[in-house]
Amino acid sequence: MINNFYKRLKNLNDLKPNNETNELFSELCKYAIENNRSLKIDKKILEINEICAKAEFEMEKFWAEKIINSKNSKIEIENFIYYKNYLKLTELEFINASFINEEKIKNVLFIGGGPLPLTAIILSKKFGVNCKIIDYNQEAINLAIKLVDKLGLKEKISFVKSDILDYSDTEKYDLVYGASLIFGNDNQENILKNIKNLNFSHILLRTSHKMRQLVYKKIDKKILKKFFKEELIVHPKNEIVNSFIILTK
């Protein structure tokens, strides 16, 4: 089955949302969720991860533009095909992070927001959190700024264009969020090393587990242990694709 997905993904002419692309990625996510087996990571799996990352970026661009150009952005954002999934994941993450964190979570640094920074939007709308988003992609930031403005959240969500490998500031954060796709390359150790230099109490990193590694690359826990102490790891068993880890310095 994985070989079948691999061939179909490689044969896609366009990763932008369309009927063929949407159907294929829906099938892939469904397969990853319903098959709770271990997955041996090889070159094909890493190629699938790369294709998924590119397709997710195109999907976020498409929906960000659609929401921005809609008559009622606050309603349109809830029509995003994975909105409920993000809502459930973000609520689960925030509840667990709040339980572990001794102080109320007010200020969050989000690394890798993309064109459609749904997690930051949900944190701000539902929990009143102030979010700063770091992203190296100017196109993503431009769309995200327009989106946040349209949703009336520009006082709660700010943006900085920077590669996390070069980023530094002295602001105190109650929580640092690491998006799934920021660890999709070979720079995991250098990324984590620089993140540790920031001023925060807890860090939450999205990762994946077993067959769900078809969609998102798993963080190397051996590298994590060099920089952080694991407090909690959660592997959802429902339709949520991501796992997450909460750690301290």
Protein backbone atom coordinates (compact mmCIF):
# COMPACT_ATOMS: atom_id res chain seq x y z
CA MET A 1 0.00 0.00 0.00
CA ILE A 2 2.84 2.40 0.84
CA ASN A 3 4.43 1.74 -2.56
CA ASN A 4 1.09 2.58 -4.14
CA PHE A 5 0.92 5.89 -2.28
CA TYR A 6 4.53 6.62 -3.21
CA LYS A 7 3.92 6.10 -6.94
CA ARG A 8 0.72 8.15 -6.95
CA LEU A 9 2.35 11.00 -5.03
CA LYS A 10 5.35 11.04 -7.36
CA ASN A 11 3.02 11.14 -10.37
CA LEU A 12 1.10 14.21 -9.20
CA ASN A 13 1.57 17.05 -11.65
CA ASP A 14 0.42 19.71 -9.22
CA LEU A 15 0.49 19.82 -5.42
CA LYS A 16 -1.98 22.71 -5.25
CA PRO A 17 -5.45 21.76 -3.98
CA ASN A 18 -7.57 20.04 -6.63
CA ASN A 19 -9.82 16.98 -6.64
CA GLU A 20 -7.05 14.48 -7.38
CA THR A 21 -4.57 15.94 -4.89
CA ASN A 22 -7.16 16.39 -2.14
CA GLU A 23 -8.44 12.85 -2.52
CA LEU A 24 -4.96 11.33 -2.45
CA PHE A 25 -3.84 13.15 0.69
CA SER A 26 -7.13 12.36 2.41
CA GLU A 27 -6.54 8.67 1.63
CA LEU A 28 -2.98 8.89 2.93
CA CYS A 29 -4.03 10.51 6.21
CA LYS A 30 -6.84 7.98 6.67
CA TYR A 31 -4.44 5.09 6.08
CA ALA A 32 -1.87 6.53 8.51
CA ILE A 33 -4.50 7.01 11.23
CA GLU A 34 -6.23 3.65 10.86
CA ASN A 35 -3.08 1.50 10.71
CA ASN A 36 -1.43 1.52 14.12
CA ARG A 37 1.66 -0.39 13.01
CA SER A 38 5.32 0.48 13.25
CA LEU A 39 6.91 2.01 10.19
CA LYS A 40 10.45 1.42 8.96
CA ILE A 41 11.84 4.74 7.74
CA ASP A 42 13.58 4.53 4.39
CA LYS A 43 14.26 6.80 1.41
CA LYS A 44 10.71 6.40 0.08
CA ILE A 45 9.15 7.43 3.39
CA LEU A 46 11.37 10.52 3.55
CA GLU A 47 10.35 11.42 -0.01
CA ILE A 48 6.69 11.03 0.97
CA ASN A 49 7.33 13.36 3.94
CA GLU A 50 8.87 15.94 1.61
CA ILE A 51 5.94 15.79 -0.82
CA CYS A 52 3.48 16.10 2.07
CA ALA A 53 5.31 19.18 3.38
CA LYS A 54 5.18 20.88 -0.03
CA ALA A 55 1.52 19.99 -0.50
CA GLU A 56 0.65 21.29 2.97
CA PHE A 57 2.29 24.63 2.15
CA GLU A 58 0.26 24.89 -1.07
CA MET A 59 -2.92 23.96 0.79
CA GLU A 60 -2.27 26.60 3.46
CA LYS A 61 -1.64 29.26 0.80
CA PHE A 62 -4.85 28.33 -1.01
CA TRP A 63 -6.96 28.49 2.14
CA ALA A 64 -5.31 31.62 3.52
CA GLU A 65 -6.16 33.45 0.28
CA LYS A 66 -9.67 32.01 0.28
CA ILE A 67 -10.31 33.14 3.86
CA ILE A 68 -8.79 36.59 3.28
CA ASN A 69 -10.96 37.16 0.20
CA SER A 70 -14.18 35.85 1.73
CA LYS A 71 -17.03 38.09 2.89
CA ASN A 72 -16.92 36.62 6.40
CA SER A 73 -13.42 35.37 7.27
CA LYS A 74 -14.41 34.25 10.76
CA ILE A 75 -16.91 31.79 9.30
CA GLU A 76 -14.81 30.80 6.28
CA ILE A 77 -11.84 29.74 8.41
CA GLU A 78 -14.04 27.10 10.05
CA ASN A 79 -14.71 25.63 6.60
CA PHE A 80 -11.02 24.72 6.28
CA ILE A 81 -10.98 20.95 5.84
CA TYR A 82 -8.70 20.30 8.84
CA TYR A 83 -10.03 23.05 11.11
CA LYS A 84 -11.68 20.67 13.60
CA ASN A 85 -8.53 18.55 13.67
CA TYR A 86 -6.39 21.60 14.51
CA LEU A 87 -8.91 22.73 17.11
CA LYS A 88 -8.86 19.37 18.91
CA LEU A 89 -5.07 19.13 18.75
CA THR A 90 -4.48 22.69 19.97
CA GLU A 91 -6.96 22.31 22.84
CA LEU A 92 -5.32 19.03 23.89
CA GLU A 93 -1.86 20.59 23.74
CA PHE A 94 -2.83 23.72 25.65
CA ILE A 95 -4.62 21.80 28.42
CA ASN A 96 -1.59 19.56 28.96
CA ALA A 97 0.92 22.43 28.73
CA SER A 98 -1.14 24.46 31.22
CA PHE A 99 -1.22 21.53 33.65
CA ILE A 100 2.58 21.18 33.54
CA ASN A 101 3.38 24.90 33.52
CA GLU A 102 3.27 26.49 36.98
CA GLU A 103 2.38 29.91 35.57
CA LYS A 104 -0.57 30.83 33.36
CA ILE A 105 0.38 30.68 29.69
CA LYS A 106 0.10 34.22 28.32
CA ASN A 107 2.99 34.63 25.87
CA VAL A 108 3.86 32.01 23.27
CA LEU A 109 6.62 31.93 20.68
CA PHE A 110 5.59 29.89 17.66
CA ILE A 111 8.33 28.60 15.36
CA GLY A 112 7.12 27.97 11.83
CA GLY A 113 3.65 29.45 11.38
CA GLY A 114 3.20 29.11 7.62
CA PRO A 115 0.61 31.00 5.53
CA LEU A 116 -2.25 29.68 7.70
CA PRO A 117 -1.12 29.88 11.36
CA LEU A 118 -4.16 28.09 12.73
CA THR A 119 -2.64 27.05 16.04
CA ALA A 120 -1.70 30.63 16.93
CA ILE A 121 -5.15 31.81 15.80
CA ILE A 122 -6.88 29.23 18.00
CA LEU A 123 -4.61 30.00 20.99
CA SER A 124 -5.39 33.71 20.66
CA LYS A 125 -9.14 33.36 20.05
CA LYS A 126 -9.93 30.60 22.52
CA PHE A 127 -7.38 31.18 25.29
CA GLY A 128 -6.43 34.86 24.91
CA VAL A 129 -2.76 34.03 24.37
CA ASN A 130 -0.33 36.52 22.81
CA CYS A 131 1.63 34.83 20.03
CA LYS A 132 4.81 35.78 18.21
CA ILE A 133 5.39 33.77 15.04
CA ILE A 134 8.81 33.22 13.49
CA ASP A 135 8.95 32.12 9.86
CA TYR A 136 11.71 32.37 7.26
CA ASN A 137 9.33 32.47 4.28
CA GLN A 138 8.28 36.00 3.30
CA GLU A 139 5.35 34.79 1.18
CA ALA A 140 3.98 32.86 4.15
CA ILE A 141 4.36 35.85 6.47
CA ASN A 142 2.68 38.25 4.03
CA LEU A 143 -0.38 36.01 3.74
CA ALA A 144 -0.49 35.28 7.47
CA ILE A 145 -0.36 39.01 8.34
CA LYS A 146 -3.31 39.73 6.01
CA LEU A 147 -5.22 36.79 7.46
CA VAL A 148 -4.64 37.76 11.08
CA ASP A 149 -5.65 41.35 10.30
CA LYS A 150 -8.85 40.17 8.59
CA LEU A 151 -9.69 38.06 11.65
CA GLY A 152 -9.18 41.03 13.97
CA LEU A 153 -6.25 39.44 15.80
CA LYS A 154 -3.35 41.72 14.88
CA GLU A 155 -3.12 42.93 18.50
CA LYS A 156 -2.63 39.33 19.67
CA ILE A 157 -0.42 37.83 16.93
CA SER A 158 2.83 39.35 15.65
CA PHE A 159 5.37 38.14 13.10
CA VAL A 160 9.14 38.09 12.64
CA LYS A 161 10.87 37.01 9.44
CA SER A 162 13.82 34.90 10.51
CA ASP A 163 15.41 31.50 10.17
CA ILE A 164 15.24 29.85 13.59
CA LEU A 165 18.95 29.01 13.24
CA ASP A 166 19.69 32.76 13.34
CA TYR A 167 16.94 33.95 15.67
CA SER A 168 17.54 35.47 19.09
CA ASP A 169 15.68 37.72 21.52
CA THR A 170 15.47 38.30 25.27
CA GLU A 171 11.69 38.26 25.74
CA LYS A 172 10.30 35.82 28.31
CA TYR A 173 7.93 33.18 26.93
CA ASP A 174 5.67 30.88 28.92
CA LEU A 175 5.73 28.36 26.10
CA VAL A 176 7.59 27.80 22.85
CA TYR A 177 5.75 25.91 20.12
CA GLY A 178 7.61 24.00 17.42
CA ALA A 179 5.56 23.21 14.30
CA SER A 180 5.87 19.75 12.73
CA LEU A 181 7.53 20.86 9.52
CA ILE A 182 10.47 22.76 11.04
CA PHE A 183 12.24 19.46 11.71
CA GLY A 184 11.86 18.15 8.18
CA ASN A 185 15.56 18.49 7.37
CA ASP A 186 18.92 17.44 8.79
CA ASN A 187 19.30 20.49 11.04
CA GLN A 188 17.38 19.14 14.04
CA GLU A 189 20.33 19.40 16.42
CA ASN A 190 21.32 22.94 15.40
CA ILE A 191 17.69 24.09 15.54
CA LEU A 192 17.22 22.71 19.06
CA LYS A 193 20.56 24.12 20.18
CA ASN A 194 19.54 27.64 19.17
CA ILE A 195 16.02 27.30 20.58
CA LYS A 196 17.51 26.43 23.97
CA ASN A 197 19.20 29.85 24.06
CA LEU A 198 15.79 31.56 24.16
CA ASN A 199 14.12 32.59 27.44
CA PHE A 200 11.26 30.19 28.16
CA SER A 201 10.08 27.66 30.72
CA HIS A 202 8.52 24.96 28.53
CA ILE A 203 8.63 23.87 24.92
CA LEU A 204 6.02 21.89 23.00
CA LEU A 205 7.13 20.10 19.85
CA ARG A 206 4.90 18.34 17.36
CA THR A 207 6.10 14.99 16.13
CA SER A 208 4.60 11.74 14.82
CA HIS A 209 4.27 8.09 15.78
CA LYS A 210 4.19 4.73 14.01
CA MET A 211 2.34 4.81 10.65
CA ARG A 212 1.60 8.52 11.06
CA GLN A 213 5.25 9.10 10.18
CA LEU A 214 4.05 8.76 6.58
CA VAL A 215 2.65 12.28 6.89
CA TYR A 216 5.05 13.98 9.34
CA LYS A 217 8.66 13.27 10.17
CA LYS A 218 9.38 12.09 13.71
CA ILE A 219 11.69 14.13 15.93
CA ASP A 220 14.84 12.29 17.00
CA LYS A 221 14.40 11.82 20.75
CA LYS A 222 18.10 11.06 21.22
CA ILE A 223 18.89 14.57 19.98
CA LEU A 224 16.09 16.05 22.11
CA LYS A 225 17.66 14.57 25.26
CA LYS A 226 20.85 16.53 24.63
CA PHE A 227 19.02 19.81 25.20
CA PHE A 228 15.75 19.21 27.05
CA LYS A 229 14.08 17.06 29.68
CA GLU A 230 10.91 15.30 28.57
CA GLU A 231 7.88 15.96 30.77
CA LEU A 232 5.10 14.41 28.70
CA ILE A 233 4.51 12.77 25.34
CA VAL A 234 1.03 12.27 23.89
CA HIS A 235 0.10 10.01 20.98
CA PRO A 236 -3.56 10.69 20.08
CA LYS A 237 -5.47 7.63 18.94
CA ASN A 238 -8.29 9.48 17.19
CA GLU A 239 -8.29 11.44 13.92
CA ILE A 240 -5.49 13.74 15.12
CA VAL A 241 -2.39 12.89 13.08
CA ASN A 242 0.27 14.61 15.19
CA SER A 243 1.79 13.53 18.46
CA PHE A 244 3.37 16.12 20.74
CA ILE A 245 6.09 16.29 23.38
CA ILE A 246 6.31 18.82 26.21
CA LEU A 247 9.80 19.45 27.58
CA THR A 248 11.78 21.71 29.92
CA LYS A 249 15.40 22.86 29.83
